[in-house]
């Protein structure tokens, strides 16, 4: 790779990192969500939001800033920051059940029978450097996030999930289309150019297929 191109990529990474610090966000990944939100208008004042793989917390911070009325996050480790009003479930996403997440939503201040308006997943596996293995782990996380979304979203709600490009990518996108009115794939500017990550943006939940 030419040195100038490498320098440009590093500068772009540093730009987002430094901007996140200046604006008080926990991580540069916040700008991926903000770009997706600006493009698709997912987060509206009063929204009830579930954030899967929420650590370090920048997506929860952004949702709170956008006026979310109830926030629930799930991660294997607790947050190092405080997001006012957010309920954090510490545990493996594969072990967390939808009923428990809806109970947390009620504890966050939503009506007892409420469901989420938006489910977000920025989950990524601990990468091994073995491409097909990393893709398979990403696919498993995405499938779990989609399953949770289907069991916790209100009709008309939205889902955003990170997914590494791999052999099952198109199948998983088609699976989303079975439950949502519109599905798009996005690679935000904040993603590193060499990254194989994409974000599946699914809008207008119709219910279980």
C-alpha atoms as a PDB file:
ATOM      1  CA  UNK A   1       0.000   0.000   0.000  1.00  0.00           C
ATOM      2  CA  UNK A   2       1.284   3.460  -0.850  1.00  0.00           C
ATOM      3  CA  UNK A   3       2.425   5.421   2.186  1.00  0.00           C
ATOM      4  CA  UNK A   4       0.103   8.339   1.323  1.00  0.00           C
ATOM      5  CA  UNK A   5      -2.963   6.080   1.282  1.00  0.00           C
ATOM      6  CA  UNK A   6      -1.989   4.513   4.598  1.00  0.00           C
ATOM      7  CA  UNK A   7      -1.471   7.969   6.080  1.00  0.00           C
ATOM      8  CA  UNK A   8      -4.887   9.097   4.812  1.00  0.00           C
ATOM      9  CA  UNK A   9      -6.581   6.127   6.475  1.00  0.00           C
ATOM     10  CA  UNK A  10      -4.789   6.705   9.757  1.00  0.00           C
ATOM     11  CA  UNK A  11      -5.687  10.392   9.643  1.00  0.00           C
ATOM     12  CA  UNK A  12      -9.346   9.543   9.073  1.00  0.00           C
ATOM     13  CA  UNK A  13      -9.283   7.103  12.004  1.00  0.00           C
ATOM     14  CA  UNK A  14      -7.618   9.721  14.203  1.00  0.00           C
ATOM     15  CA  UNK A  15     -10.203  12.305  13.109  1.00  0.00           C
ATOM     16  CA  UNK A  16     -13.133  10.200  14.314  1.00  0.00           C
ATOM     17  CA  UNK A  17     -11.328   9.176  17.489  1.00  0.00           C
ATOM     18  CA  UNK A  18     -10.409  12.758  18.363  1.00  0.00           C
ATOM     19  CA  UNK A  19     -13.854  14.040  17.482  1.00  0.00           C
ATOM     20  CA  UNK A  20     -15.464  11.440  19.765  1.00  0.00           C
ATOM     21  CA  UNK A  21     -13.240  12.564  22.631  1.00  0.00           C
ATOM     22  CA  UNK A  22     -14.033  16.228  22.000  1.00  0.00           C
ATOM     23  CA  UNK A  23     -17.764  15.574  21.961  1.00  0.00           C
ATOM     24  CA  UNK A  24     -17.714  13.359  25.050  1.00  0.00           C
ATOM     25  CA  UNK A  25     -18.530  10.022  23.438  1.00  0.00           C
ATOM     26  CA  UNK A  26     -17.070   6.753  24.674  1.00  0.00           C
ATOM     27  CA  UNK A  27     -15.945   5.569  21.212  1.00  0.00           C
ATOM     28  CA  UNK A  28     -15.576   6.621  17.585  1.00  0.00           C
ATOM     29  CA  UNK A  29     -18.208   4.042  16.590  1.00  0.00           C
ATOM     30  CA  UNK A  30     -20.860   6.613  17.524  1.00  0.00           C
ATOM     31  CA  UNK A  31     -20.364   8.241  14.138  1.00  0.00           C
ATOM     32  CA  UNK A  32     -21.366   5.034  12.355  1.00  0.00           C
ATOM     33  CA  UNK A  33     -24.719   5.105  14.123  1.00  0.00           C
ATOM     34  CA  UNK A  34     -25.180   8.842  13.626  1.00  0.00           C
ATOM     35  CA  UNK A  35     -24.583   8.467   9.874  1.00  0.00           C
ATOM     36  CA  UNK A  36     -27.070   5.596   9.641  1.00  0.00           C
ATOM     37  CA  UNK A  37     -29.600   7.544  11.691  1.00  0.00           C
ATOM     38  CA  UNK A  38     -29.245  10.678   9.559  1.00  0.00           C
ATOM     39  CA  UNK A  39     -29.735   8.647   6.407  1.00  0.00           C
ATOM     40  CA  UNK A  40     -32.712   6.565   7.533  1.00  0.00           C
ATOM     41  CA  UNK A  41     -34.316   8.552  10.365  1.00  0.00           C
ATOM     42  CA  UNK A  42     -34.460   5.637  12.791  1.00  0.00           C
ATOM     43  CA  UNK A  43     -34.303   7.407  16.147  1.00  0.00           C
ATOM     44  CA  UNK A  44     -37.073   9.782  17.129  1.00  0.00           C
ATOM     45  CA  UNK A  45     -37.752  11.549  20.418  1.00  0.00           C
ATOM     46  CA  UNK A  46     -39.404   9.141  22.829  1.00  0.00           C
ATOM     47  CA  UNK A  47     -38.024   6.018  21.144  1.00  0.00           C
ATOM     48  CA  UNK A  48     -37.500   2.866  23.201  1.00  0.00           C
ATOM     49  CA  UNK A  49     -34.131   1.371  22.243  1.00  0.00           C
ATOM     50  CA  UNK A  50     -32.342  -1.940  22.836  1.00  0.00           C
ATOM     51  CA  UNK A  51     -28.561  -1.926  22.238  1.00  0.00           C
ATOM     52  CA  UNK A  52     -26.985  -5.388  21.955  1.00  0.00           C
ATOM     53  CA  UNK A  53     -23.242  -5.420  22.561  1.00  0.00           C
ATOM     54  CA  UNK A  54     -23.522  -1.950  24.056  1.00  0.00           C
ATOM     55  CA  UNK A  55     -20.010  -1.560  25.498  1.00  0.00           C
ATOM     56  CA  UNK A  56     -18.295   0.933  25.608  1.00  0.00           C
ATOM     57  CA  UNK A  57     -21.561   2.875  25.510  1.00  0.00           C
ATOM     58  CA  UNK A  58     -21.313   5.449  22.730  1.00  0.00           C
ATOM     59  CA  UNK A  59     -24.426   4.196  20.940  1.00  0.00           C
ATOM     60  CA  UNK A  60     -26.439   4.479  24.161  1.00  0.00           C
ATOM     61  CA  UNK A  61     -25.050   7.992  24.637  1.00  0.00           C
ATOM     62  CA  UNK A  62     -26.154   8.944  21.130  1.00  0.00           C
ATOM     63  CA  UNK A  63     -29.638   7.491  21.626  1.00  0.00           C
ATOM     64  CA  UNK A  64     -30.039   9.419  24.862  1.00  0.00           C
ATOM     65  CA  UNK A  65     -28.919  12.608  23.117  1.00  0.00           C
ATOM     66  CA  UNK A  66     -31.499  11.965  20.385  1.00  0.00           C
ATOM     67  CA  UNK A  67     -34.248  11.886  22.992  1.00  0.00           C
ATOM     68  CA  UNK A  68     -34.820   8.174  23.584  1.00  0.00           C
ATOM     69  CA  UNK A  69     -37.276   7.685  26.430  1.00  0.00           C
ATOM     70  CA  UNK A  70     -36.095   4.225  27.513  1.00  0.00           C
ATOM     71  CA  UNK A  71     -32.740   2.510  26.971  1.00  0.00           C
ATOM     72  CA  UNK A  72     -31.687  -1.083  27.608  1.00  0.00           C
ATOM     73  CA  UNK A  73     -28.173  -2.342  26.828  1.00  0.00           C
ATOM     74  CA  UNK A  74     -26.687  -5.833  26.874  1.00  0.00           C
ATOM     75  CA  UNK A  75     -23.011  -6.723  27.078  1.00  0.00           C
ATOM     76  CA  UNK A  76     -20.738  -9.328  28.631  1.00  0.00           C
ATOM     77  CA  UNK A  77     -19.015  -6.609  30.673  1.00  0.00           C
ATOM     78  CA  UNK A  78     -20.409  -3.605  32.559  1.00  0.00           C
ATOM     79  CA  UNK A  79     -19.953  -0.121  31.148  1.00  0.00           C
ATOM     80  CA  UNK A  80     -17.194   2.141  32.423  1.00  0.00           C
ATOM     81  CA  UNK A  81     -19.409   5.180  31.867  1.00  0.00           C
ATOM     82  CA  UNK A  82     -22.793   6.229  33.166  1.00  0.00           C
ATOM     83  CA  UNK A  83     -25.629   6.696  30.689  1.00  0.00           C
ATOM     84  CA  UNK A  84     -28.467   8.324  32.639  1.00  0.00           C
ATOM     85  CA  UNK A  85     -31.550   6.140  32.847  1.00  0.00           C
ATOM     86  CA  UNK A  86     -30.115   3.225  30.862  1.00  0.00           C
ATOM     87  CA  UNK A  87     -30.686  -0.306  32.131  1.00  0.00           C
ATOM     88  CA  UNK A  88     -27.600  -2.473  31.514  1.00  0.00           C
ATOM     89  CA  UNK A  89     -27.900  -6.259  31.436  1.00  0.00           C
ATOM     90  CA  UNK A  90     -24.512  -7.898  31.999  1.00  0.00           C
ATOM     91  CA  UNK A  91     -24.458 -11.279  30.292  1.00  0.00           C
ATOM     92  CA  UNK A  92     -23.972 -13.265  27.107  1.00  0.00           C
ATOM     93  CA  UNK A  93     -26.454 -12.276  24.418  1.00  0.00           C
ATOM     94  CA  UNK A  94     -26.981 -15.961  23.623  1.00  0.00           C
ATOM     95  CA  UNK A  95     -28.263 -16.510  27.161  1.00  0.00           C
ATOM     96  CA  UNK A  96     -30.487 -13.435  27.463  1.00  0.00           C
ATOM     97  CA  UNK A  97     -34.158 -14.059  26.735  1.00  0.00           C
ATOM     98  CA  UNK A  98     -36.606 -11.585  25.161  1.00  0.00           C
ATOM     99  CA  UNK A  99     -38.940 -11.671  28.174  1.00  0.00           C
ATOM    100  CA  UNK A 100     -36.121 -10.499  30.438  1.00  0.00           C
ATOM    101  CA  UNK A 101     -35.297  -7.639  28.064  1.00  0.00           C
ATOM    102  CA  UNK A 102     -38.921  -6.514  27.945  1.00  0.00           C
ATOM    103  CA  UNK A 103     -38.987  -6.613  31.745  1.00  0.00           C
ATOM    104  CA  UNK A 104     -35.921  -4.340  31.769  1.00  0.00           C
ATOM    105  CA  UNK A 105     -37.710  -2.024  29.357  1.00  0.00           C
ATOM    106  CA  UNK A 106     -40.535  -1.634  31.865  1.00  0.00           C
ATOM    107  CA  UNK A 107     -38.003  -0.921  34.603  1.00  0.00           C
ATOM    108  CA  UNK A 108     -36.514   1.772  32.347  1.00  0.00           C
ATOM    109  CA  UNK A 109     -39.827   3.613  32.517  1.00  0.00           C
ATOM    110  CA  UNK A 110     -41.813   2.224  29.580  1.00  0.00           C
ATOM    111  CA  UNK A 111     -45.402   0.972  29.979  1.00  0.00           C
ATOM    112  CA  UNK A 112     -45.645  -2.627  31.173  1.00  0.00           C
ATOM    113  CA  UNK A 113     -46.764  -3.944  27.770  1.00  0.00           C
ATOM    114  CA  UNK A 114     -44.356  -1.823  25.693  1.00  0.00           C
ATOM    115  CA  UNK A 115     -41.918  -3.183  23.144  1.00  0.00           C
ATOM    116  CA  UNK A 116     -38.820  -1.647  21.584  1.00  0.00           C
ATOM    117  CA  UNK A 117     -39.030   0.797  18.684  1.00  0.00           C
ATOM    118  CA  UNK A 118     -35.411   0.201  17.647  1.00  0.00           C
ATOM    119  CA  UNK A 119     -33.032  -2.725  18.209  1.00  0.00           C
ATOM    120  CA  UNK A 120     -29.340  -2.056  17.534  1.00  0.00           C
ATOM    121  CA  UNK A 121     -26.472  -4.527  17.345  1.00  0.00           C
ATOM    122  CA  UNK A 122     -22.860  -3.471  16.909  1.00  0.00           C
ATOM    123  CA  UNK A 123     -21.697  -6.883  18.115  1.00  0.00           C
ATOM    124  CA  UNK A 124     -18.553  -8.341  16.593  1.00  0.00           C
ATOM    125  CA  UNK A 125     -16.664 -11.504  17.517  1.00  0.00           C
ATOM    126  CA  UNK A 126     -13.227 -11.589  19.057  1.00  0.00           C
ATOM    127  CA  UNK A 127     -11.372 -11.954  15.772  1.00  0.00           C
ATOM    128  CA  UNK A 128      -8.893 -14.778  15.275  1.00  0.00           C
ATOM    129  CA  UNK A 129      -7.418 -13.661  11.967  1.00  0.00           C
ATOM    130  CA  UNK A 130      -8.927 -16.743  10.321  1.00  0.00           C
ATOM    131  CA  UNK A 131     -11.360 -15.116   7.928  1.00  0.00           C
ATOM    132  CA  UNK A 132     -13.955 -17.881   7.570  1.00  0.00           C
ATOM    133  CA  UNK A 133     -14.026 -18.506  11.326  1.00  0.00           C
ATOM    134  CA  UNK A 134     -14.510 -14.805  12.073  1.00  0.00           C
ATOM    135  CA  UNK A 135     -17.278 -14.603   9.470  1.00  0.00           C
ATOM    136  CA  UNK A 136     -19.064 -17.598  11.005  1.00  0.00           C
ATOM    137  CA  UNK A 137     -18.935 -16.038  14.480  1.00  0.00           C
ATOM    138  CA  UNK A 138     -20.241 -12.736  13.127  1.00  0.00           C
ATOM    139  CA  UNK A 139     -23.095 -14.549  11.398  1.00  0.00           C
ATOM    140  CA  UNK A 140     -24.045 -16.310  14.643  1.00  0.00           C
ATOM    141  CA  UNK A 141     -24.131 -12.998  16.522  1.00  0.00           C
ATOM    142  CA  UNK A 142     -26.205 -11.381  13.790  1.00  0.00           C
ATOM    143  CA  UNK A 143     -28.687 -14.263  13.770  1.00  0.00           C
ATOM    144  CA  UNK A 144     -29.097 -14.008  17.527  1.00  0.00           C
ATOM    145  CA  UNK A 145     -29.596 -10.235  17.320  1.00  0.00           C
ATOM    146  CA  UNK A 146     -32.205 -10.653  14.590  1.00  0.00           C
ATOM    147  CA  UNK A 147     -34.002 -13.337  16.616  1.00  0.00           C
ATOM    148  CA  UNK A 148     -34.104 -11.048  19.646  1.00  0.00           C
ATOM    149  CA  UNK A 149     -35.326  -8.157  17.489  1.00  0.00           C
ATOM    150  CA  UNK A 150     -38.168 -10.258  16.116  1.00  0.00           C
ATOM    151  CA  UNK A 151     -39.299 -11.115  19.635  1.00  0.00           C
ATOM    152  CA  UNK A 152     -38.992  -7.634  21.168  1.00  0.00           C
ATOM    153  CA  UNK A 153     -39.780  -5.072  18.430  1.00  0.00           C
ATOM    154  CA  UNK A 154     -43.068  -3.273  18.065  1.00  0.00           C
ATOM    155  CA  UNK A 155     -44.718  -3.424  14.648  1.00  0.00           C
ATOM    156  CA  UNK A 156     -43.199  -0.776  12.422  1.00  0.00           C
ATOM    157  CA  UNK A 157     -39.974  -0.838  14.435  1.00  0.00           C
ATOM    158  CA  UNK A 158     -36.433  -0.915  13.076  1.00  0.00           C
ATOM    159  CA  UNK A 159     -33.356  -3.142  13.385  1.00  0.00           C
ATOM    160  CA  UNK A 160     -29.694  -2.344  12.685  1.00  0.00           C
ATOM    161  CA  UNK A 161     -27.142  -5.152  12.856  1.00  0.00           C
ATOM    162  CA  UNK A 162     -23.455  -5.451  12.078  1.00  0.00           C
ATOM    163  CA  UNK A 163     -22.522  -8.377   9.835  1.00  0.00           C
ATOM    164  CA  UNK A 164     -19.208  -9.442   8.307  1.00  0.00           C
ATOM    165  CA  UNK A 165     -19.409 -10.200   4.601  1.00  0.00           C
ATOM    166  CA  UNK A 166     -19.178 -13.948   4.109  1.00  0.00           C
ATOM    167  CA  UNK A 167     -20.853 -17.013   2.577  1.00  0.00           C
ATOM    168  CA  UNK A 168     -24.096 -16.549   4.542  1.00  0.00           C
ATOM    169  CA  UNK A 169     -24.407 -12.800   4.025  1.00  0.00           C
ATOM    170  CA  UNK A 170     -27.088 -12.864   1.330  1.00  0.00           C
ATOM    171  CA  UNK A 171     -29.087 -15.569   3.114  1.00  0.00           C
ATOM    172  CA  UNK A 172     -29.173 -13.520   6.298  1.00  0.00           C
ATOM    173  CA  UNK A 173     -30.197 -10.375   4.421  1.00  0.00           C
ATOM    174  CA  UNK A 174     -33.001 -12.354   2.768  1.00  0.00           C
ATOM    175  CA  UNK A 175     -34.026 -13.597   6.209  1.00  0.00           C
ATOM    176  CA  UNK A 176     -34.394  -9.977   7.324  1.00  0.00           C
ATOM    177  CA  UNK A 177     -36.585  -9.221   4.329  1.00  0.00           C
ATOM    178  CA  UNK A 178     -39.043 -11.855   5.529  1.00  0.00           C
ATOM    179  CA  UNK A 179     -39.900  -9.652   8.524  1.00  0.00           C
ATOM    180  CA  UNK A 180     -39.257  -6.050   7.423  1.00  0.00           C
ATOM    181  CA  UNK A 181     -40.658  -3.756   4.749  1.00  0.00           C
ATOM    182  CA  UNK A 182     -37.278  -2.362   3.648  1.00  0.00           C
ATOM    183  CA  UNK A 183     -33.747  -3.713   4.072  1.00  0.00           C
ATOM    184  CA  UNK A 184     -30.553  -1.912   3.034  1.00  0.00           C
ATOM    185  CA  UNK A 185     -26.847  -2.622   3.461  1.00  0.00           C
ATOM    186  CA  UNK A 186     -24.612   0.251   4.558  1.00  0.00           C
ATOM    187  CA  UNK A 187     -20.896   0.716   5.162  1.00  0.00           C
ATOM    188  CA  UNK A 188     -20.584   3.997   7.091  1.00  0.00           C
ATOM    189  CA  UNK A 189     -17.689   6.369   6.494  1.00  0.00           C
ATOM    190  CA  UNK A 190     -16.525   5.674  10.042  1.00  0.00           C
ATOM    191  CA  UNK A 191     -15.799   2.040   9.143  1.00  0.00           C
ATOM    192  CA  UNK A 192     -12.208   1.302   8.242  1.00  0.00           C
ATOM    193  CA  UNK A 193     -11.784   0.896   4.505  1.00  0.00           C
ATOM    194  CA  UNK A 194     -10.267  -2.583   4.831  1.00  0.00           C
ATOM    195  CA  UNK A 195     -13.021  -3.794   7.156  1.00  0.00           C
ATOM    196  CA  UNK A 196     -15.422  -6.481   5.903  1.00  0.00           C
ATOM    197  CA  UNK A 197     -18.191  -5.189   8.165  1.00  0.00           C
ATOM    198  CA  UNK A 198     -21.523  -4.016   6.841  1.00  0.00           C
ATOM    199  CA  UNK A 199     -24.600  -2.798   8.670  1.00  0.00           C
ATOM    200  CA  UNK A 200     -27.960  -4.276   7.744  1.00  0.00           C
ATOM    201  CA  UNK A 201     -30.641  -1.611   8.210  1.00  0.00           C
ATOM    202  CA  UNK A 202     -34.102  -3.178   8.372  1.00  0.00           C
ATOM    203  CA  UNK A 203     -37.111  -0.867   8.661  1.00  0.00           C
ATOM    204  CA  UNK A 204     -40.803  -1.448   9.191  1.00  0.00           C
ATOM    205  CA  UNK A 205     -41.084  -4.630  11.249  1.00  0.00           C
ATOM    206  CA  UNK A 206     -44.093  -6.667  10.091  1.00  0.00           C
ATOM    207  CA  UNK A 207     -43.993  -9.366  12.746  1.00  0.00           C
ATOM    208  CA  UNK A 208     -42.662 -12.907  12.868  1.00  0.00           C
ATOM    209  CA  UNK A 209     -42.424 -14.572   9.433  1.00  0.00           C
END
